Amino acid sequence: MMEPEARRNAFSLICGMLFGIAWFVFIGGVVINNHIVDASDRVKLQGSAGAIYVPMFLGMLSLFMINTVVKSDIDDALDSSKAAKLKIWLFLGALVMFASLISAGYIFGEVYLTEHKHQSAAAGVGALVATIILTLSNLLFWLARSAGDD
């Protein structure tokens, strides 16, 4: 059985790799859209298609918000006002995280499946997949930081 510190380190490494993969997928989708796809099939990332960057920004914000709270700090054994404020902060971070998922799905559906139906959806697919991976990385990292504290 792994020691708690080794387990936290291993999980943190895995979460960091997922984070990197998420950005790799997102940047890859944008690069494919801008440089590899034929110009007639390309979606210009301006206007509503330019909102493709918003889900990743929200995902990064939620990564910060959620992972500034340590799981042991939200126990009821602490000062109730501090624990309540941390729980509100954590809840707002979770809302931002779900907003990033919802916005990625909405942008993909509205921009790439409706407005630009017959053009490349590489950037939209990249943003959607990257946002899902970033969310998974975010949640796993928060859980990994308290692994072995049971």
C-alpha atoms as a PDB file:
ATOM      1  CA  MET A   1       0.000   0.000   0.000  1.00  0.00           C
ATOM      2  CA  MET A   2       1.273   3.465  -0.854  1.00  0.00           C
ATOM      3  CA  GLU A   3       2.010   6.024   1.830  1.00  0.00           C
ATOM      4  CA  PRO A   4      -0.440   8.964   1.879  1.00  0.00           C
ATOM      5  CA  GLU A   5       2.218  11.436   0.708  1.00  0.00           C
ATOM      6  CA  ALA A   6       3.255   9.176  -2.186  1.00  0.00           C
ATOM      7  CA  ARG A   7      -0.397   8.704  -3.122  1.00  0.00           C
ATOM      8  CA  ARG A   8      -0.982  12.478  -3.143  1.00  0.00           C
ATOM      9  CA  ASN A   9       2.110  12.979  -5.294  1.00  0.00           C
ATOM     10  CA  ALA A  10       1.058  10.287  -7.773  1.00  0.00           C
ATOM     11  CA  PHE A  11      -2.482  11.662  -8.061  1.00  0.00           C
ATOM     12  CA  SER A  12      -1.165  15.212  -8.460  1.00  0.00           C
ATOM     13  CA  LEU A  13       1.112  14.040 -11.265  1.00  0.00           C
ATOM     14  CA  ILE A  14      -1.798  12.327 -13.031  1.00  0.00           C
ATOM     15  CA  CYS A  15      -3.963  15.445 -12.637  1.00  0.00           C
ATOM     16  CA  GLY A  16      -1.175  17.620 -14.021  1.00  0.00           C
ATOM     17  CA  MET A  17      -0.889  15.327 -17.030  1.00  0.00           C
ATOM     18  CA  LEU A  18      -4.659  15.535 -17.575  1.00  0.00           C
ATOM     19  CA  PHE A  19      -4.396  19.322 -17.356  1.00  0.00           C
ATOM     20  CA  GLY A  20      -1.669  19.325 -20.000  1.00  0.00           C
ATOM     21  CA  ILE A  21      -3.631  16.961 -22.226  1.00  0.00           C
ATOM     22  CA  ALA A  22      -6.670  19.251 -21.966  1.00  0.00           C
ATOM     23  CA  TRP A  23      -4.690  22.242 -23.176  1.00  0.00           C
ATOM     24  CA  PHE A  24      -3.015  20.153 -25.864  1.00  0.00           C
ATOM     25  CA  VAL A  25      -6.438  19.066 -27.185  1.00  0.00           C
ATOM     26  CA  PHE A  26      -7.796  22.629 -27.099  1.00  0.00           C
ATOM     27  CA  ILE A  27      -4.786  24.208 -28.797  1.00  0.00           C
ATOM     28  CA  GLY A  28      -4.727  21.336 -31.294  1.00  0.00           C
ATOM     29  CA  GLY A  29      -8.357  21.966 -32.239  1.00  0.00           C
ATOM     30  CA  VAL A  30      -7.705  25.667 -32.772  1.00  0.00           C
ATOM     31  CA  VAL A  31      -4.539  24.995 -34.796  1.00  0.00           C
ATOM     32  CA  ILE A  32      -6.299  22.385 -36.935  1.00  0.00           C
ATOM     33  CA  ASN A  33      -9.114  24.870 -37.570  1.00  0.00           C
ATOM     34  CA  ASN A  34      -6.769  27.754 -38.430  1.00  0.00           C
ATOM     35  CA  HIS A  35      -4.005  26.022 -40.386  1.00  0.00           C
ATOM     36  CA  ILE A  36      -4.860  22.489 -41.519  1.00  0.00           C
ATOM     37  CA  VAL A  37      -8.505  22.725 -42.573  1.00  0.00           C
ATOM     38  CA  ASP A  38      -9.114  24.018 -46.084  1.00  0.00           C
ATOM     39  CA  ALA A  39      -9.862  27.759 -46.128  1.00  0.00           C
ATOM     40  CA  SER A  40     -13.366  27.239 -47.505  1.00  0.00           C
ATOM     41  CA  ASP A  41     -14.185  24.828 -44.648  1.00  0.00           C
ATOM     42  CA  ARG A  42     -12.565  26.931 -41.915  1.00  0.00           C
ATOM     43  CA  VAL A  43     -14.578  28.677 -39.186  1.00  0.00           C
ATOM     44  CA  LYS A  44     -13.135  32.116 -38.445  1.00  0.00           C
ATOM     45  CA  LEU A  45     -12.779  32.417 -34.672  1.00  0.00           C
ATOM     46  CA  GLN A  46     -14.473  35.813 -34.566  1.00  0.00           C
ATOM     47  CA  GLY A  47     -17.897  36.841 -33.346  1.00  0.00           C
ATOM     48  CA  SER A  48     -19.819  33.978 -31.777  1.00  0.00           C
ATOM     49  CA  ALA A  49     -17.124  31.472 -32.786  1.00  0.00           C
ATOM     50  CA  GLY A  50     -14.568  33.552 -30.866  1.00  0.00           C
ATOM     51  CA  ALA A  51     -16.345  32.591 -27.650  1.00  0.00           C
ATOM     52  CA  ILE A  52     -14.595  29.229 -27.930  1.00  0.00           C
ATOM     53  CA  TYR A  53     -11.957  30.542 -25.501  1.00  0.00           C
ATOM     54  CA  VAL A  54     -14.466  31.288 -22.714  1.00  0.00           C
ATOM     55  CA  PRO A  55     -14.986  27.692 -21.447  1.00  0.00           C
ATOM     56  CA  MET A  56     -11.251  27.147 -20.954  1.00  0.00           C
ATOM     57  CA  PHE A  57     -10.917  30.476 -19.142  1.00  0.00           C
ATOM     58  CA  LEU A  58     -13.812  29.536 -16.847  1.00  0.00           C
ATOM     59  CA  GLY A  59     -12.274  26.097 -16.317  1.00  0.00           C
ATOM     60  CA  MET A  60      -8.987  27.682 -15.239  1.00  0.00           C
ATOM     61  CA  LEU A  61     -10.828  30.046 -12.898  1.00  0.00           C
ATOM     62  CA  SER A  62     -12.688  27.135 -11.318  1.00  0.00           C
ATOM     63  CA  LEU A  63      -9.420  25.193 -10.964  1.00  0.00           C
ATOM     64  CA  PHE A  64      -8.081  28.062  -8.877  1.00  0.00           C
ATOM     65  CA  MET A  65     -11.281  28.557  -6.882  1.00  0.00           C
ATOM     66  CA  ILE A  66     -11.837  24.911  -6.020  1.00  0.00           C
ATOM     67  CA  ASN A  67      -8.241  24.025  -5.250  1.00  0.00           C
ATOM     68  CA  THR A  68      -7.665  26.924  -2.870  1.00  0.00           C
ATOM     69  CA  VAL A  69      -9.953  25.091  -0.433  1.00  0.00           C
ATOM     70  CA  VAL A  70      -8.541  22.128   1.461  1.00  0.00           C
ATOM     71  CA  LYS A  71     -11.081  19.404   2.184  1.00  0.00           C
ATOM     72  CA  SER A  72     -10.205  19.318   5.894  1.00  0.00           C
ATOM     73  CA  ASP A  73     -10.915  23.072   6.206  1.00  0.00           C
ATOM     74  CA  ILE A  74     -14.602  22.660   5.432  1.00  0.00           C
ATOM     75  CA  ASP A  75     -15.239  20.264   8.295  1.00  0.00           C
ATOM     76  CA  ASP A  76     -17.815  21.433  10.799  1.00  0.00           C
ATOM     77  CA  ALA A  77     -15.261  21.111  13.619  1.00  0.00           C
ATOM     78  CA  LEU A  78     -13.698  24.433  12.595  1.00  0.00           C
ATOM     79  CA  ASP A  79     -14.984  27.885  13.323  1.00  0.00           C
ATOM     80  CA  SER A  80     -18.424  27.839  11.720  1.00  0.00           C
ATOM     81  CA  SER A  81     -18.072  31.236  10.034  1.00  0.00           C
ATOM     82  CA  LYS A  82     -14.764  30.268   8.360  1.00  0.00           C
ATOM     83  CA  ALA A  83     -16.141  26.885   7.264  1.00  0.00           C
ATOM     84  CA  ALA A  84     -19.295  28.536   5.911  1.00  0.00           C
ATOM     85  CA  LYS A  85     -17.288  31.065   3.878  1.00  0.00           C
ATOM     86  CA  LEU A  86     -15.087  28.294   2.474  1.00  0.00           C
ATOM     87  CA  LYS A  87     -18.133  26.224   1.541  1.00  0.00           C
ATOM     88  CA  ILE A  88     -19.624  29.221  -0.278  1.00  0.00           C
ATOM     89  CA  TRP A  89     -16.303  29.762  -2.111  1.00  0.00           C
ATOM     90  CA  LEU A  90     -16.193  26.073  -3.026  1.00  0.00           C
ATOM     91  CA  PHE A  91     -19.807  26.192  -4.227  1.00  0.00           C
ATOM     92  CA  LEU A  92     -19.074  29.246  -6.393  1.00  0.00           C
ATOM     93  CA  GLY A  93     -16.032  27.441  -7.816  1.00  0.00           C
ATOM     94  CA  ALA A  94     -18.234  24.448  -8.649  1.00  0.00           C
ATOM     95  CA  LEU A  95     -20.752  26.781 -10.328  1.00  0.00           C
ATOM     96  CA  VAL A  96     -17.986  28.293 -12.458  1.00  0.00           C
ATOM     97  CA  MET A  97     -16.794  24.775 -13.345  1.00  0.00           C
ATOM     98  CA  PHE A  98     -20.258  23.704 -14.465  1.00  0.00           C
ATOM     99  CA  ALA A  99     -20.669  27.015 -16.315  1.00  0.00           C
ATOM    100  CA  SER A 100     -17.529  26.157 -18.279  1.00  0.00           C
ATOM    101  CA  LEU A 101     -18.979  22.752 -19.203  1.00  0.00           C
ATOM    102  CA  ILE A 102     -22.336  24.213 -20.139  1.00  0.00           C
ATOM    103  CA  SER A 103     -20.772  27.031 -22.166  1.00  0.00           C
ATOM    104  CA  ALA A 104     -18.535  24.580 -24.053  1.00  0.00           C
ATOM    105  CA  GLY A 105     -21.555  22.445 -24.926  1.00  0.00           C
ATOM    106  CA  TYR A 106     -23.646  25.457 -25.879  1.00  0.00           C
ATOM    107  CA  ILE A 107     -20.943  27.003 -28.053  1.00  0.00           C
ATOM    108  CA  PHE A 108     -20.299  23.689 -29.763  1.00  0.00           C
ATOM    109  CA  GLY A 109     -23.993  23.121 -30.415  1.00  0.00           C
ATOM    110  CA  GLU A 110     -24.927  26.663 -31.374  1.00  0.00           C
ATOM    111  CA  VAL A 111     -21.862  27.752 -33.334  1.00  0.00           C
ATOM    112  CA  TYR A 112     -20.486  24.559 -34.839  1.00  0.00           C
ATOM    113  CA  LEU A 113     -23.624  22.473 -35.305  1.00  0.00           C
ATOM    114  CA  THR A 114     -26.040  25.271 -36.239  1.00  0.00           C
ATOM    115  CA  GLU A 115     -24.381  28.433 -37.573  1.00  0.00           C
ATOM    116  CA  HIS A 116     -21.438  26.725 -39.300  1.00  0.00           C
ATOM    117  CA  LYS A 117     -23.065  23.365 -39.919  1.00  0.00           C
ATOM    118  CA  HIS A 118     -21.163  22.515 -43.093  1.00  0.00           C
ATOM    119  CA  GLN A 119     -17.758  23.712 -41.919  1.00  0.00           C
ATOM    120  CA  SER A 120     -15.044  22.191 -39.753  1.00  0.00           C
ATOM    121  CA  ALA A 121     -15.920  21.695 -36.101  1.00  0.00           C
ATOM    122  CA  ALA A 122     -12.329  20.982 -35.021  1.00  0.00           C
ATOM    123  CA  ALA A 123     -12.074  23.961 -32.661  1.00  0.00           C
ATOM    124  CA  GLY A 124     -15.494  23.264 -31.141  1.00  0.00           C
ATOM    125  CA  VAL A 125     -14.767  19.584 -30.567  1.00  0.00           C
ATOM    126  CA  GLY A 126     -11.364  20.472 -29.149  1.00  0.00           C
ATOM    127  CA  ALA A 127     -12.865  22.978 -26.723  1.00  0.00           C
ATOM    128  CA  LEU A 128     -15.615  20.598 -25.620  1.00  0.00           C
ATOM    129  CA  VAL A 129     -13.278  17.645 -25.041  1.00  0.00           C
ATOM    130  CA  ALA A 130     -10.652  19.863 -23.392  1.00  0.00           C
ATOM    131  CA  THR A 131     -13.216  21.360 -21.016  1.00  0.00           C
ATOM    132  CA  ILE A 132     -14.372  17.888 -19.973  1.00  0.00           C
ATOM    133  CA  ILE A 133     -10.776  16.758 -19.369  1.00  0.00           C
ATOM    134  CA  LEU A 134      -9.988  19.990 -17.483  1.00  0.00           C
ATOM    135  CA  THR A 135     -13.034  19.462 -15.256  1.00  0.00           C
ATOM    136  CA  LEU A 136     -11.962  15.892 -14.543  1.00  0.00           C
ATOM    137  CA  SER A 137      -8.454  17.100 -13.725  1.00  0.00           C
ATOM    138  CA  ASN A 138      -9.851  19.794 -11.460  1.00  0.00           C
ATOM    139  CA  LEU A 139     -12.016  17.409  -9.441  1.00  0.00           C
ATOM    140  CA  LEU A 140      -9.370  14.703  -9.205  1.00  0.00           C
ATOM    141  CA  PHE A 141      -6.776  17.216  -8.041  1.00  0.00           C
ATOM    142  CA  TRP A 142      -9.070  18.474  -5.283  1.00  0.00           C
ATOM    143  CA  LEU A 143      -9.692  14.906  -4.122  1.00  0.00           C
ATOM    144  CA  ALA A 144      -6.016  13.951  -4.490  1.00  0.00           C
ATOM    145  CA  ARG A 145      -4.873  16.721  -2.189  1.00  0.00           C
ATOM    146  CA  SER A 146      -6.700  15.038   0.696  1.00  0.00           C
ATOM    147  CA  ALA A 147      -5.944  11.426  -0.269  1.00  0.00           C
ATOM    148  CA  GLY A 148      -4.872   9.391   2.736  1.00  0.00           C
ATOM    149  CA  ASP A 149      -6.189  11.860   5.331  1.00  0.00           C
ATOM    150  CA  ASP A 150      -9.037   9.517   6.246  1.00  0.00           C
END
